[in-house]
Amino acid sequence: MTVYALFERDAKPAPAVVPERFSWFAAILPPIWALAHGLWLEFVVWALLVLLLGAAAPTIGGEAAFWAYVVVAAWIGFEAPALRRAALRRRGWRYRGEVVARDADLAMLEGLNARRVG
């Protein structure tokens, strides 16, 4: 079971759900993960960071640059839910609460049921 954060917007019929867990997709492929979720600002920051690590590699060493990238990628995996929540807030979505569910579809269904009842 996973805790999901629910967000809603007046113009959207279904709530957005964000799982509160480590994201392997975000850790292994940060730029693709960012683009898949429409996180353009985060993608630009990631690209600048990679360029900085590439520029610093001759000075700090290739192995140090590699491990610095691994640490950043792991950090992105842990912070993926927070990055998605912040992006939803910037786009005008309102935090609605949390729900525990087996998967995102069941969490969205629970959010729809709560909206209909409340």
PDB file of N, CA and C in Angstrom:
ATOM      1  N   MET A   1       0.836  -1.173   0.000  1.00  0.00           N
ATOM      2  CA  MET A   1       0.000   0.000   0.000  1.00  0.00           C
ATOM      3  C   MET A   1       0.886   1.244   0.000  1.00  0.00           C
ATOM      4  N   THR A   2       0.409   2.246  -0.703  1.00  0.00           N
ATOM      5  CA  THR A   2       1.153   3.494  -0.859  1.00  0.00           C
ATOM      6  C   THR A   2       0.263   4.665  -0.481  1.00  0.00           C
ATOM      7  N   VAL A   3       0.884   5.679   0.078  1.00  0.00           N
ATOM      8  CA  VAL A   3       0.168   6.915   0.364  1.00  0.00           C
ATOM      9  C   VAL A   3       0.236   7.776  -0.897  1.00  0.00           C
ATOM     10  N   TYR A   4      -0.910   8.292  -1.325  1.00  0.00           N
ATOM     11  CA  TYR A   4      -0.995   9.156  -2.501  1.00  0.00           C
ATOM     12  C   TYR A   4      -1.505  10.524  -2.073  1.00  0.00           C
ATOM     13  N   ALA A   5      -0.877  11.577  -2.579  1.00  0.00           N
ATOM     14  CA  ALA A   5      -1.364  12.935  -2.363  1.00  0.00           C
ATOM     15  C   ALA A   5      -2.356  13.254  -3.470  1.00  0.00           C
ATOM     16  N   LEU A   6      -3.513  13.788  -3.093  1.00  0.00           N
ATOM     17  CA  LEU A   6      -4.555  14.132  -4.051  1.00  0.00           C
ATOM     18  C   LEU A   6      -4.565  15.630  -4.302  1.00  0.00           C
ATOM     19  N   PHE A   7      -4.640  15.997  -5.576  1.00  0.00           N
ATOM     20  CA  PHE A   7      -4.741  17.394  -5.975  1.00  0.00           C
ATOM     21  C   PHE A   7      -5.934  17.527  -6.908  1.00  0.00           C
ATOM     22  N   GLU A   8      -6.631  18.648  -6.819  1.00  0.00           N
ATOM     23  CA  GLU A   8      -7.752  18.863  -7.728  1.00  0.00           C
ATOM     24  C   GLU A   8      -7.705  20.275  -8.274  1.00  0.00           C
ATOM     25  N   ARG A   9      -8.381  20.425  -9.398  1.00  0.00           N
ATOM     26  CA  ARG A   9      -8.475  21.709 -10.080  1.00  0.00           C
ATOM     27  C   ARG A   9      -9.901  21.833 -10.595  1.00  0.00           C
ATOM     28  N   ASP A  10     -10.442  23.022 -10.559  1.00  0.00           N
ATOM     29  CA  ASP A  10     -11.844  23.215 -10.929  1.00  0.00           C
ATOM     30  C   ASP A  10     -12.151  22.743 -12.341  1.00  0.00           C
ATOM     31  N   ALA A  11     -11.264  23.014 -13.292  1.00  0.00           N
ATOM     32  CA  ALA A  11     -11.546  22.696 -14.694  1.00  0.00           C
ATOM     33  C   ALA A  11     -11.317  21.224 -15.027  1.00  0.00           C
ATOM     34  N   LYS A  12     -10.679  20.479 -14.158  1.00  0.00           N
ATOM     35  CA  LYS A  12     -10.364  19.079 -14.442  1.00  0.00           C
ATOM     36  C   LYS A  12     -11.365  18.157 -13.745  1.00  0.00           C
ATOM     37  N   PRO A  13     -11.890  17.172 -14.473  1.00  0.00           N
ATOM     38  CA  PRO A  13     -12.878  16.277 -13.865  1.00  0.00           C
ATOM     39  C   PRO A  13     -12.266  15.276 -12.888  1.00  0.00           C
ATOM     40  N   ALA A  14     -11.015  14.897 -13.094  1.00  0.00           N
ATOM     41  CA  ALA A  14     -10.385  13.882 -12.246  1.00  0.00           C
ATOM     42  C   ALA A  14      -9.243  14.505 -11.442  1.00  0.00           C
ATOM     43  N   PRO A  15      -9.040  14.032 -10.218  1.00  0.00           N
ATOM     44  CA  PRO A  15      -7.927  14.557  -9.427  1.00  0.00           C
ATOM     45  C   PRO A  15      -6.595  14.018  -9.937  1.00  0.00           C
ATOM     46  N   ALA A  16      -5.529  14.743  -9.603  1.00  0.00           N
ATOM     47  CA  ALA A  16      -4.179  14.258  -9.874  1.00  0.00           C
ATOM     48  C   ALA A  16      -3.697  13.547  -8.617  1.00  0.00           C
ATOM     49  N   VAL A  17      -3.020  12.435  -8.791  1.00  0.00           N
ATOM     50  CA  VAL A  17      -2.496  11.690  -7.655  1.00  0.00           C
ATOM     51  C   VAL A  17      -0.982  11.584  -7.784  1.00  0.00           C
ATOM     52  N   VAL A  18      -0.302  11.771  -6.655  1.00  0.00           N
ATOM     53  CA  VAL A  18       1.159  11.700  -6.628  1.00  0.00           C
ATOM     54  C   VAL A  18       1.554  10.687  -5.561  1.00  0.00           C
ATOM     55  N   PRO A  19       2.221   9.582  -5.945  1.00  0.00           N
ATOM     56  CA  PRO A  19       2.625   8.590  -4.948  1.00  0.00           C
ATOM     57  C   PRO A  19       3.765   9.129  -4.081  1.00  0.00           C
ATOM     58  N   GLU A  20       3.694   8.830  -2.796  1.00  0.00           N
ATOM     59  CA  GLU A  20       4.712   9.270  -1.849  1.00  0.00           C
ATOM     60  C   GLU A  20       5.721   8.139  -1.651  1.00  0.00           C
ATOM     61  N   ARG A  21       6.543   7.918  -2.657  1.00  0.00           N
ATOM     62  CA  ARG A  21       7.545   6.855  -2.571  1.00  0.00           C
ATOM     63  C   ARG A  21       8.708   7.173  -3.501  1.00  0.00           C
ATOM     64  N   PHE A  22       9.797   6.444  -3.323  1.00  0.00           N
ATOM     65  CA  PHE A  22      10.970   6.598  -4.172  1.00  0.00           C
ATOM     66  C   PHE A  22      10.598   6.255  -5.607  1.00  0.00           C
ATOM     67  N   SER A  23      11.087   7.053  -6.558  1.00  0.00           N
ATOM     68  CA  SER A  23      10.789   6.815  -7.968  1.00  0.00           C
ATOM     69  C   SER A  23      12.044   6.311  -8.683  1.00  0.00           C
ATOM     70  N   TRP A  24      12.017   5.030  -9.043  1.00  0.00           N
ATOM     71  CA  TRP A  24      13.150   4.476  -9.787  1.00  0.00           C
ATOM     72  C   TRP A  24      13.263   5.106 -11.165  1.00  0.00           C
ATOM     73  N   PHE A  25      12.140   5.380 -11.780  1.00  0.00           N
ATOM     74  CA  PHE A  25      12.131   6.018 -13.097  1.00  0.00           C
ATOM     75  C   PHE A  25      12.840   7.369 -13.034  1.00  0.00           C
ATOM     76  N   ALA A  26      12.548   8.149 -11.994  1.00  0.00           N
ATOM     77  CA  ALA A  26      13.178   9.463 -11.840  1.00  0.00           C
ATOM     78  C   ALA A  26      14.663   9.331 -11.541  1.00  0.00           C
ATOM     79  N   ALA A  27      15.057   8.302 -10.807  1.00  0.00           N
ATOM     80  CA  ALA A  27      16.469   8.128 -10.458  1.00  0.00           C
ATOM     81  C   ALA A  27      17.293   7.625 -11.632  1.00  0.00           C
ATOM     82  N   ILE A  28      16.717   6.744 -12.437  1.00  0.00           N
ATOM     83  CA  ILE A  28      17.492   6.144 -13.539  1.00  0.00           C
ATOM     84  C   ILE A  28      17.502   7.043 -14.772  1.00  0.00           C
ATOM     85  N   LEU A  29      16.366   7.661 -15.084  1.00  0.00           N
ATOM     86  CA  LEU A  29      16.260   8.510 -16.271  1.00  0.00           C
ATOM     87  C   LEU A  29      15.660   9.875 -15.912  1.00  0.00           C
ATOM     88  N   PRO A  30      16.397  10.708 -15.175  1.00  0.00           N
ATOM     89  CA  PRO A  30      15.829  11.982 -14.717  1.00  0.00           C
ATOM     90  C   PRO A  30      15.267  12.875 -15.820  1.00  0.00           C
ATOM     91  N   PRO A  31      15.956  13.047 -16.963  1.00  0.00           N
ATOM     92  CA  PRO A  31      15.387  13.964 -17.955  1.00  0.00           C
ATOM     93  C   PRO A  31      14.092  13.439 -18.577  1.00  0.00           C
ATOM     94  N   ILE A  32      14.026  12.151 -18.824  1.00  0.00           N
ATOM     95  CA  ILE A  32      12.810  11.580 -19.422  1.00  0.00           C
ATOM     96  C   ILE A  32      11.669  11.635 -18.418  1.00  0.00           C
ATOM     97  N   TRP A  33      11.966  11.349 -17.148  1.00  0.00           N
ATOM     98  CA  TRP A  33      10.948  11.445 -16.099  1.00  0.00           C
ATOM     99  C   TRP A  33      10.399  12.870 -16.013  1.00  0.00           C
ATOM    100  N   ALA A  34      11.298  13.853 -16.024  1.00  0.00           N
ATOM    101  CA  ALA A  34      10.862  15.250 -15.928  1.00  0.00           C
ATOM    102  C   ALA A  34       9.986  15.634 -17.119  1.00  0.00           C
ATOM    103  N   LEU A  35      10.389  15.268 -18.304  1.00  0.00           N
ATOM    104  CA  LEU A  35       9.597  15.608 -19.489  1.00  0.00           C
ATOM    105  C   LEU A  35       8.275  14.845 -19.516  1.00  0.00           C
ATOM    106  N   ALA A  36       8.270  13.609 -19.043  1.00  0.00           N
ATOM    107  CA  ALA A  36       7.038  12.821 -19.024  1.00  0.00           C
ATOM    108  C   ALA A  36       5.989  13.429 -18.097  1.00  0.00           C
ATOM    109  N   HIS A  37       6.447  14.137 -17.074  1.00  0.00           N
ATOM    110  CA  HIS A  37       5.523  14.760 -16.133  1.00  0.00           C
ATOM    111  C   HIS A  37       5.376  16.261 -16.360  1.00  0.00           C
ATOM    112  N   GLY A  38       5.936  16.757 -17.454  1.00  0.00           N
ATOM    113  CA  GLY A  38       5.809  18.173 -17.781  1.00  0.00           C
ATOM    114  C   GLY A  38       6.581  19.095 -16.854  1.00  0.00           C
ATOM    115  N   LEU A  39       7.658  18.607 -16.289  1.00  0.00           N
ATOM    116  CA  LEU A  39       8.459  19.387 -15.349  1.00  0.00           C
ATOM    117  C   LEU A  39       9.604  20.076 -16.108  1.00  0.00           C
ATOM    118  N   TRP A  40       9.263  21.099 -16.861  1.00  0.00           N
ATOM    119  CA  TRP A  40      10.246  21.773 -17.715  1.00  0.00           C
ATOM    120  C   TRP A  40      11.309  22.492 -16.902  1.00  0.00           C
ATOM    121  N   LEU A  41      10.921  23.164 -15.847  1.00  0.00           N
ATOM    122  CA  LEU A  41      11.885  23.877 -15.016  1.00  0.00           C
ATOM    123  C   LEU A  41      12.893  22.901 -14.406  1.00  0.00           C
ATOM    124  N   GLU A  42      12.405  21.781 -13.905  1.00  0.00           N
ATOM    125  CA  GLU A  42      13.280  20.772 -13.322  1.00  0.00           C
ATOM    126  C   GLU A  42      14.201  20.162 -14.385  1.00  0.00           C
ATOM    127  N   PHE A  43      13.692  20.005 -15.599  1.00  0.00           N
ATOM    128  CA  PHE A  43      14.519  19.491 -16.690  1.00  0.00           C
ATOM    129  C   PHE A  43      15.666  20.450 -17.000  1.00  0.00           C
ATOM    130  N   VAL A  44      15.374  21.745 -17.053  1.00  0.00           N
ATOM    131  CA  VAL A  44      16.411  22.738 -17.343  1.00  0.00           C
ATOM    132  C   VAL A  44      17.468  22.750 -16.240  1.00  0.00           C
ATOM    133  N   VAL A  45      17.027  22.669 -14.979  1.00  0.00           N
ATOM    134  CA  VAL A  45      17.983  22.635 -13.857  1.00  0.00           C
ATOM    135  C   VAL A  45      18.845  21.387 -13.943  1.00  0.00           C
ATOM    136  N   TRP A  46      18.236  20.246 -14.266  1.00  0.00           N
ATOM    137  CA  TRP A  46      19.001  19.012 -14.404  1.00  0.00           C
ATOM    138  C   TRP A  46      20.039  19.144 -15.533  1.00  0.00           C
ATOM    139  N   ALA A  47      19.626  19.703 -16.679  1.00  0.00           N
ATOM    140  CA  ALA A  47      20.546  19.859 -17.810  1.00  0.00           C
ATOM    141  C   ALA A  47      21.714  20.775 -17.439  1.00  0.00           C
ATOM    142  N   LEU A  48      21.426  21.865 -16.737  1.00  0.00           N
ATOM    143  CA  LEU A  48      22.506  22.755 -16.301  1.00  0.00           C
ATOM    144  C   LEU A  48      23.451  22.067 -15.332  1.00  0.00           C
ATOM    145  N   LEU A  49      22.897  21.261 -14.436  1.00  0.00           N
ATOM    146  CA  LEU A  49      23.733  20.530 -13.493  1.00  0.00           C
ATOM    147  C   LEU A  49      24.644  19.532 -14.203  1.00  0.00           C
ATOM    148  N   VAL A  50      24.101  18.845 -15.195  1.00  0.00           N
ATOM    149  CA  VAL A  50      24.921  17.885 -15.952  1.00  0.00           C
ATOM    150  C   VAL A  50      26.025  18.622 -16.719  1.00  0.00           C
ATOM    151  N   LEU A  51      25.691  19.773 -17.292  1.00  0.00           N
ATOM    152  CA  LEU A  51      26.718  20.568 -17.979  1.00  0.00           C
ATOM    153  C   LEU A  51      27.799  21.023 -17.006  1.00  0.00           C
ATOM    154  N   LEU A  52      27.399  21.433 -15.811  1.00  0.00           N
ATOM    155  CA  LEU A  52      28.390  21.839 -14.804  1.00  0.00           C
ATOM    156  C   LEU A  52      29.271  20.671 -14.382  1.00  0.00           C
ATOM    157  N   LEU A  53      28.675  19.511 -14.191  1.00  0.00           N
ATOM    158  CA  LEU A  53      29.474  18.338 -13.840  1.00  0.00           C
ATOM    159  C   LEU A  53      30.428  17.966 -14.971  1.00  0.00           C
ATOM    160  N   GLY A  54      29.964  18.082 -16.200  1.00  0.00           N
ATOM    161  CA  GLY A  54      30.840  17.809 -17.342  1.00  0.00           C
ATOM    162  C   GLY A  54      31.989  18.799 -17.426  1.00  0.00           C
ATOM    163  N   ALA A  55      31.705  20.057 -17.154  1.00  0.00           N
ATOM    164  CA  ALA A  55      32.760  21.069 -17.183  1.00  0.00           C
ATOM    165  C   ALA A  55      33.733  20.896 -16.020  1.00  0.00           C
ATOM    166  N   ALA A  56      33.233  20.416 -14.879  1.00  0.00           N
ATOM    167  CA  ALA A  56      34.088  20.243 -13.707  1.00  0.00           C
ATOM    168  C   ALA A  56      34.859  18.927 -13.733  1.00  0.00           C
ATOM    169  N   ALA A  57      34.478  18.005 -14.588  1.00  0.00           N
ATOM    170  CA  ALA A  57      35.099  16.681 -14.618  1.00  0.00           C
ATOM    171  C   ALA A  57      36.618  16.727 -14.795  1.00  0.00           C
ATOM    172  N   PRO A  58      37.165  17.563 -15.694  1.00  0.00           N
ATOM    173  CA  PRO A  58      38.632  17.591 -15.798  1.00  0.00           C
ATOM    174  C   PRO A  58      39.313  18.062 -14.507  1.00  0.00           C
ATOM    175  N   THR A  59      38.646  18.892 -13.754  1.00  0.00           N
ATOM    176  CA  THR A  59      39.232  19.425 -12.524  1.00  0.00           C
ATOM    177  C   THR A  59      39.073  18.454 -11.357  1.00  0.00           C
ATOM    178  N   ILE A  60      37.866  17.941 -11.167  1.00  0.00           N
ATOM    179  CA  ILE A  60      37.619  17.069 -10.015  1.00  0.00           C
ATOM    180  C   ILE A  60      37.852  15.597 -10.335  1.00  0.00           C
ATOM    181  N   GLY A  61      37.970  15.270 -11.603  1.00  0.00           N
ATOM    182  CA  GLY A  61      38.184  13.893 -12.014  1.00  0.00           C
ATOM    183  C   GLY A  61      36.898  13.267 -12.515  1.00  0.00           C
ATOM    184  N   GLY A  62      37.031  12.411 -13.481  1.00  0.00           N
ATOM    185  CA  GLY A  62      35.876  11.773 -14.097  1.00  0.00           C
ATOM    186  C   GLY A  62      35.109  10.892 -13.133  1.00  0.00           C
ATOM    187  N   GLU A  63      35.841  10.185 -12.270  1.00  0.00           N
ATOM    188  CA  GLU A  63      35.163   9.304 -11.320  1.00  0.00           C
ATOM    189  C   GLU A  63      34.363  10.107 -10.293  1.00  0.00           C
ATOM    190  N   ALA A  64      34.919  11.204  -9.830  1.00  0.00           N
ATOM    191  CA  ALA A  64      34.200  12.062  -8.876  1.00  0.00           C
ATOM    192  C   ALA A  64      32.965  12.664  -9.531  1.00  0.00           C
ATOM    193  N   ALA A  65      33.078  13.069 -10.793  1.00  0.00           N
ATOM    194  CA  ALA A  65      31.924  13.621 -11.500  1.00  0.00           C
ATOM    195  C   ALA A  65      30.846  12.552 -11.667  1.00  0.00           C
ATOM    196  N   PHE A  66      31.255  11.331 -11.968  1.00  0.00           N
ATOM    197  CA  PHE A  66      30.299  10.230 -12.108  1.00  0.00           C
ATOM    198  C   PHE A  66      29.550   9.991 -10.801  1.00  0.00           C
ATOM    199  N   TRP A  67      30.287   9.903  -9.685  1.00  0.00           N
ATOM    200  CA  TRP A  67      29.636   9.651  -8.399  1.00  0.00           C
ATOM    201  C   TRP A  67      28.784  10.830  -7.953  1.00  0.00           C
ATOM    202  N   ALA A  68      29.186  12.042  -8.303  1.00  0.00           N
ATOM    203  CA  ALA A  68      28.344  13.201  -8.011  1.00  0.00           C
ATOM    204  C   ALA A  68      27.024  13.092  -8.778  1.00  0.00           C
ATOM    205  N   TYR A  69      27.098  12.642 -10.026  1.00  0.00           N
ATOM    206  CA  TYR A  69      25.874  12.445 -10.808  1.00  0.00           C
ATOM    207  C   TYR A  69      25.003  11.359 -10.186  1.00  0.00           C
ATOM    208  N   VAL A  70      25.604  10.275  -9.718  1.00  0.00           N
ATOM    209  CA  VAL A  70      24.840   9.195  -9.087  1.00  0.00           C
ATOM    210  C   VAL A  70      24.121   9.713  -7.841  1.00  0.00           C
ATOM    211  N   VAL A  71      24.807  10.533  -7.054  1.00  0.00           N
ATOM    212  CA  VAL A  71      24.186  11.105  -5.855  1.00  0.00           C
ATOM    213  C   VAL A  71      23.018  12.010  -6.243  1.00  0.00           C
ATOM    214  N   VAL A  72      23.202  12.833  -7.265  1.00  0.00           N
ATOM    215  CA  VAL A  72      22.121  13.722  -7.727  1.00  0.00           C
ATOM    216  C   VAL A  72      20.943  12.906  -8.249  1.00  0.00           C
ATOM    217  N   ALA A  73      21.218  11.849  -9.005  1.00  0.00           N
ATOM    218  CA  ALA A  73      20.142  11.009  -9.539  1.00  0.00           C
ATOM    219  C   ALA A  73      19.374  10.328  -8.409  1.00  0.00           C
ATOM    220  N   ALA A  74      20.076   9.847  -7.390  1.00  0.00           N
ATOM    221  CA  ALA A  74      19.395   9.241  -6.241  1.00  0.00           C
ATOM    222  C   ALA A  74      18.558  10.283  -5.507  1.00  0.00           C
ATOM    223  N   TRP A  75      19.082  11.484  -5.367  1.00  0.00           N
ATOM    224  CA  TRP A  75      18.329  12.563  -4.719  1.00  0.00           C
ATOM    225  C   TRP A  75      17.047  12.857  -5.496  1.00  0.00           C
ATOM    226  N   ILE A  76      17.149  12.893  -6.814  1.00  0.00           N
ATOM    227  CA  ILE A  76      15.960  13.137  -7.640  1.00  0.00           C
ATOM    228  C   ILE A  76      14.936  12.022  -7.437  1.00  0.00           C
ATOM    229  N   GLY A  77      15.401  10.778  -7.315  1.00  0.00           N
ATOM    230  CA  GLY A  77      14.491   9.669  -7.054  1.00  0.00           C
ATOM    231  C   GLY A  77      13.744   9.834  -5.744  1.00  0.00           C
ATOM    232  N   PHE A  78      14.438  10.301  -4.710  1.00  0.00           N
ATOM    233  CA  PHE A  78      13.787  10.517  -3.418  1.00  0.00           C
ATOM    234  C   PHE A  78      12.878  11.743  -3.432  1.00  0.00           C
ATOM    235  N   GLU A  79      13.267  12.779  -4.154  1.00  0.00           N
ATOM    236  CA  GLU A  79      12.514  14.027  -4.166  1.00  0.00           C
ATOM    237  C   GLU A  79      11.463  14.101  -5.274  1.00  0.00           C
ATOM    238  N   ALA A  80      11.320  13.057  -6.066  1.00  0.00           N
ATOM    239  CA  ALA A  80      10.369  13.072  -7.182  1.00  0.00           C
ATOM    240  C   ALA A  80       8.958  13.451  -6.747  1.00  0.00           C
ATOM    241  N   PRO A  81       8.420  12.884  -5.668  1.00  0.00           N
ATOM    242  CA  PRO A  81       7.062  13.297  -5.269  1.00  0.00           C
ATOM    243  C   PRO A  81       6.977  14.778  -4.917  1.00  0.00           C
ATOM    244  N   ALA A  82       7.973  15.285  -4.209  1.00  0.00           N
ATOM    245  CA  ALA A  82       7.957  16.704  -3.829  1.00  0.00           C
ATOM    246  C   ALA A  82       8.056  17.599  -5.054  1.00  0.00           C
ATOM    247  N   LEU A  83       8.857  17.207  -6.047  1.00  0.00           N
ATOM    248  CA  LEU A  83       8.983  17.998  -7.270  1.00  0.00           C
ATOM    249  C   LEU A  83       7.662  18.016  -8.034  1.00  0.00           C
ATOM    250  N   ARG A  84       6.989  16.877  -8.098  1.00  0.00           N
ATOM    251  CA  ARG A  84       5.690  16.828  -8.787  1.00  0.00           C
ATOM    252  C   ARG A  84       4.632  17.630  -8.049  1.00  0.00           C
ATOM    253  N   ARG A  85       4.614  17.532  -6.709  1.00  0.00           N
ATOM    254  CA  ARG A  85       3.644  18.315  -5.934  1.00  0.00           C
ATOM    255  C   ARG A  85       3.861  19.810  -6.130  1.00  0.00           C
ATOM    256  N   ALA A  86       5.117  20.242  -6.105  1.00  0.00           N
ATOM    257  CA  ALA A  86       5.411  21.666  -6.295  1.00  0.00           C
ATOM    258  C   ALA A  86       4.981  22.134  -7.685  1.00  0.00           C
ATOM    259  N   ALA A  87       5.195  21.306  -8.696  1.00  0.00           N
ATOM    260  CA  ALA A  87       4.790  21.678 -10.051  1.00  0.00           C
ATOM    261  C   ALA A  87       3.271  21.772 -10.163  1.00  0.00           C
ATOM    262  N   LEU A  88       2.556  20.867  -9.519  1.00  0.00           N
ATOM    263  CA  LEU A  88       1.093  20.935  -9.549  1.00  0.00           C
ATOM    264  C   LEU A  88       0.596  22.210  -8.867  1.00  0.00           C
ATOM    265  N   ARG A  89       1.205  22.570  -7.751  1.00  0.00           N
ATOM    266  CA  ARG A  89       0.806  23.809  -7.067  1.00  0.00           C
ATOM    267  C   ARG A  89       1.071  25.030  -7.938  1.00  0.00           C
ATOM    268  N   ARG A  90       2.220  25.042  -8.636  1.00  0.00           N
ATOM    269  CA  ARG A  90       2.533  26.169  -9.527  1.00  0.00           C
ATOM    270  C   ARG A  90       1.496  26.290 -10.639  1.00  0.00           C
ATOM    271  N   ARG A  91       0.919  25.172 -11.049  1.00  0.00           N
ATOM    272  CA  ARG A  91      -0.069  25.171 -12.137  1.00  0.00           C
ATOM    273  C   ARG A  91      -1.494  25.423 -11.647  1.00  0.00           C
ATOM    274  N   GLY A  92      -1.664  25.694 -10.382  1.00  0.00           N
ATOM    275  CA  GLY A  92      -2.979  26.034  -9.876  1.00  0.00           C
ATOM    276  C   GLY A  92      -3.776  24.891  -9.275  1.00  0.00           C
ATOM    277  N   TRP A  93      -3.166  23.730  -9.099  1.00  0.00           N
ATOM    278  CA  TRP A  93      -3.862  22.608  -8.471  1.00  0.00           C
ATOM    279  C   TRP A  93      -3.866  22.827  -6.960  1.00  0.00           C
ATOM    280  N   ARG A  94      -4.949  22.414  -6.298  1.00  0.00           N
ATOM    281  CA  ARG A  94      -5.072  22.540  -4.848  1.00  0.00           C
ATOM    282  C   ARG A  94      -4.876  21.178  -4.194  1.00  0.00           C
ATOM    283  N   TYR A  95      -4.112  21.189  -3.099  1.00  0.00           N
ATOM    284  CA  TYR A  95      -3.915  19.963  -2.333  1.00  0.00           C
ATOM    285  C   TYR A  95      -5.228  19.605  -1.653  1.00  0.00           C
ATOM    286  N   ARG A  96      -5.652  18.380  -1.802  1.00  0.00           N
ATOM    287  CA  ARG A  96      -6.947  17.938  -1.285  1.00  0.00           C
ATOM    288  C   ARG A  96      -6.807  17.027  -0.087  1.00  0.00           C
ATOM    289  N   GLY A  97      -5.711  16.309   0.012  1.00  0.00           N
ATOM    290  CA  GLY A  97      -5.510  15.388   1.121  1.00  0.00           C
ATOM    291  C   GLY A  97      -4.718  14.177   0.663  1.00  0.00           C
ATOM    292  N   GLU A  98      -4.703  13.171   1.502  1.00  0.00           N
ATOM    293  CA  GLU A  98      -3.969  11.952   1.189  1.00  0.00           C
ATOM    294  C   GLU A  98      -4.888  10.754   1.299  1.00  0.00           C
ATOM    295  N   VAL A  99      -4.543   9.730   0.554  1.00  0.00           N
ATOM    296  CA  VAL A  99      -5.309   8.486   0.578  1.00  0.00           C
ATOM    297  C   VAL A  99      -4.316   7.331   0.467  1.00  0.00           C
ATOM    298  N   VAL A 100      -4.631   6.239   1.130  1.00  0.00           N
ATOM    299  CA  VAL A 100      -3.805   5.031   1.052  1.00  0.00           C
ATOM    300  C   VAL A 100      -4.493   4.074   0.091  1.00  0.00           C
ATOM    301  N   ALA A 101      -3.748   3.631  -0.921  1.00  0.00           N
ATOM    302  CA  ALA A 101      -4.325   2.729  -1.926  1.00  0.00           C
ATOM    303  C   ALA A 101      -3.236   1.822  -2.489  1.00  0.00           C
ATOM    304  N   ARG A 102      -3.684   0.779  -3.181  1.00  0.00           N
ATOM    305  CA  ARG A 102      -2.736  -0.165  -3.801  1.00  0.00           C
ATOM    306  C   ARG A 102      -2.052   0.415  -5.030  1.00  0.00           C
ATOM    307  N   ASP A 103      -2.779   1.219  -5.819  1.00  0.00           N
ATOM    308  CA  ASP A 103      -2.190   1.826  -7.008  1.00  0.00           C
ATOM    309  C   ASP A 103      -2.846   3.177  -7.282  1.00  0.00           C
ATOM    310  N   ALA A 104      -2.332   3.873  -8.290  1.00  0.00           N
ATOM    311  CA  ALA A 104      -2.789   5.235  -8.588  1.00  0.00           C
ATOM    312  C   ALA A 104      -4.249   5.265  -9.023  1.00  0.00           C
ATOM    313  N   ASP A 105      -4.694   4.253  -9.751  1.00  0.00           N
ATOM    314  CA  ASP A 105      -6.090   4.229 -10.203  1.00  0.00           C
ATOM    315  C   ASP A 105      -7.062   4.149  -9.026  1.00  0.00           C
ATOM    316  N   LEU A 106      -6.748   3.301  -8.052  1.00  0.00           N
ATOM    317  CA  LEU A 106      -7.613   3.192  -6.882  1.00  0.00           C
ATOM    318  C   LEU A 106      -7.567   4.474  -6.053  1.00  0.00           C
ATOM    319  N   ALA A 107      -6.415   5.125  -5.989  1.00  0.00           N
ATOM    320  CA  ALA A 107      -6.312   6.394  -5.270  1.00  0.00           C
ATOM    321  C   ALA A 107      -7.156   7.464  -5.964  1.00  0.00           C
ATOM    322  N   MET A 108      -7.119   7.491  -7.298  1.00  0.00           N
ATOM    323  CA  MET A 108      -7.929   8.456  -8.035  1.00  0.00           C
ATOM    324  C   MET A 108      -9.417   8.178  -7.832  1.00  0.00           C
ATOM    325  N   LEU A 109      -9.789   6.914  -7.835  1.00  0.00           N
ATOM    326  CA  LEU A 109     -11.184   6.549  -7.588  1.00  0.00           C
ATOM    327  C   LEU A 109     -11.626   6.987  -6.196  1.00  0.00           C
ATOM    328  N   GLU A 110     -10.767   6.793  -5.224  1.00  0.00           N
ATOM    329  CA  GLU A 110     -11.077   7.238  -3.863  1.00  0.00           C
ATOM    330  C   GLU A 110     -11.237   8.756  -3.818  1.00  0.00           C
ATOM    331  N   GLY A 111     -10.398   9.476  -4.547  1.00  0.00           N
ATOM    332  CA  GLY A 111     -10.522  10.936  -4.619  1.00  0.00           C
ATOM    333  C   GLY A 111     -11.826  11.363  -5.280  1.00  0.00           C
ATOM    334  N   LEU A 112     -12.228  10.664  -6.324  1.00  0.00           N
ATOM    335  CA  LEU A 112     -13.502  10.969  -6.982  1.00  0.00           C
ATOM    336  C   LEU A 112     -14.682  10.694  -6.057  1.00  0.00           C
ATOM    337  N   ASN A 113     -14.615   9.588  -5.329  1.00  0.00           N
ATOM    338  CA  ASN A 113     -15.684   9.255  -4.376  1.00  0.00           C
ATOM    339  C   ASN A 113     -15.763  10.295  -3.266  1.00  0.00           C
ATOM    340  N   ALA A 114     -14.630  10.740  -2.766  1.00  0.00           N
ATOM    341  CA  ALA A 114     -14.627  11.752  -1.709  1.00  0.00           C
ATOM    342  C   ALA A 114     -15.192  13.065  -2.230  1.00  0.00           C
ATOM    343  N   ARG A 115     -14.930  13.394  -3.465  1.00  0.00           N
ATOM    344  CA  ARG A 115     -15.454  14.631  -4.051  1.00  0.00           C
ATOM    345  C   ARG A 115     -16.974  14.552  -4.184  1.00  0.00           C
ATOM    346  N   ARG A 116     -17.460  13.384  -4.587  1.00  0.00           N
ATOM    347  CA  ARG A 116     -18.895  13.213  -4.771  1.00  0.00           C
ATOM    348  C   ARG A 116     -19.631  13.255  -3.433  1.00  0.00           C
ATOM    349  N   VAL A 117     -19.051  12.662  -2.410  1.00  0.00           N
ATOM    350  CA  VAL A 117     -19.691  12.624  -1.085  1.00  0.00           C
ATOM    351  C   VAL A 117     -19.583  13.984  -0.407  1.00  0.00           C
ATOM    352  N   GLY A 118     -18.364  14.587  -0.483  1.00  0.00           N
ATOM    353  CA  GLY A 118     -18.121  15.832   0.247  1.00  0.00           C
ATOM    354  C   GLY A 118     -18.435  16.991  -0.580  1.00  0.00           C
TER     355      GLY A 118
END
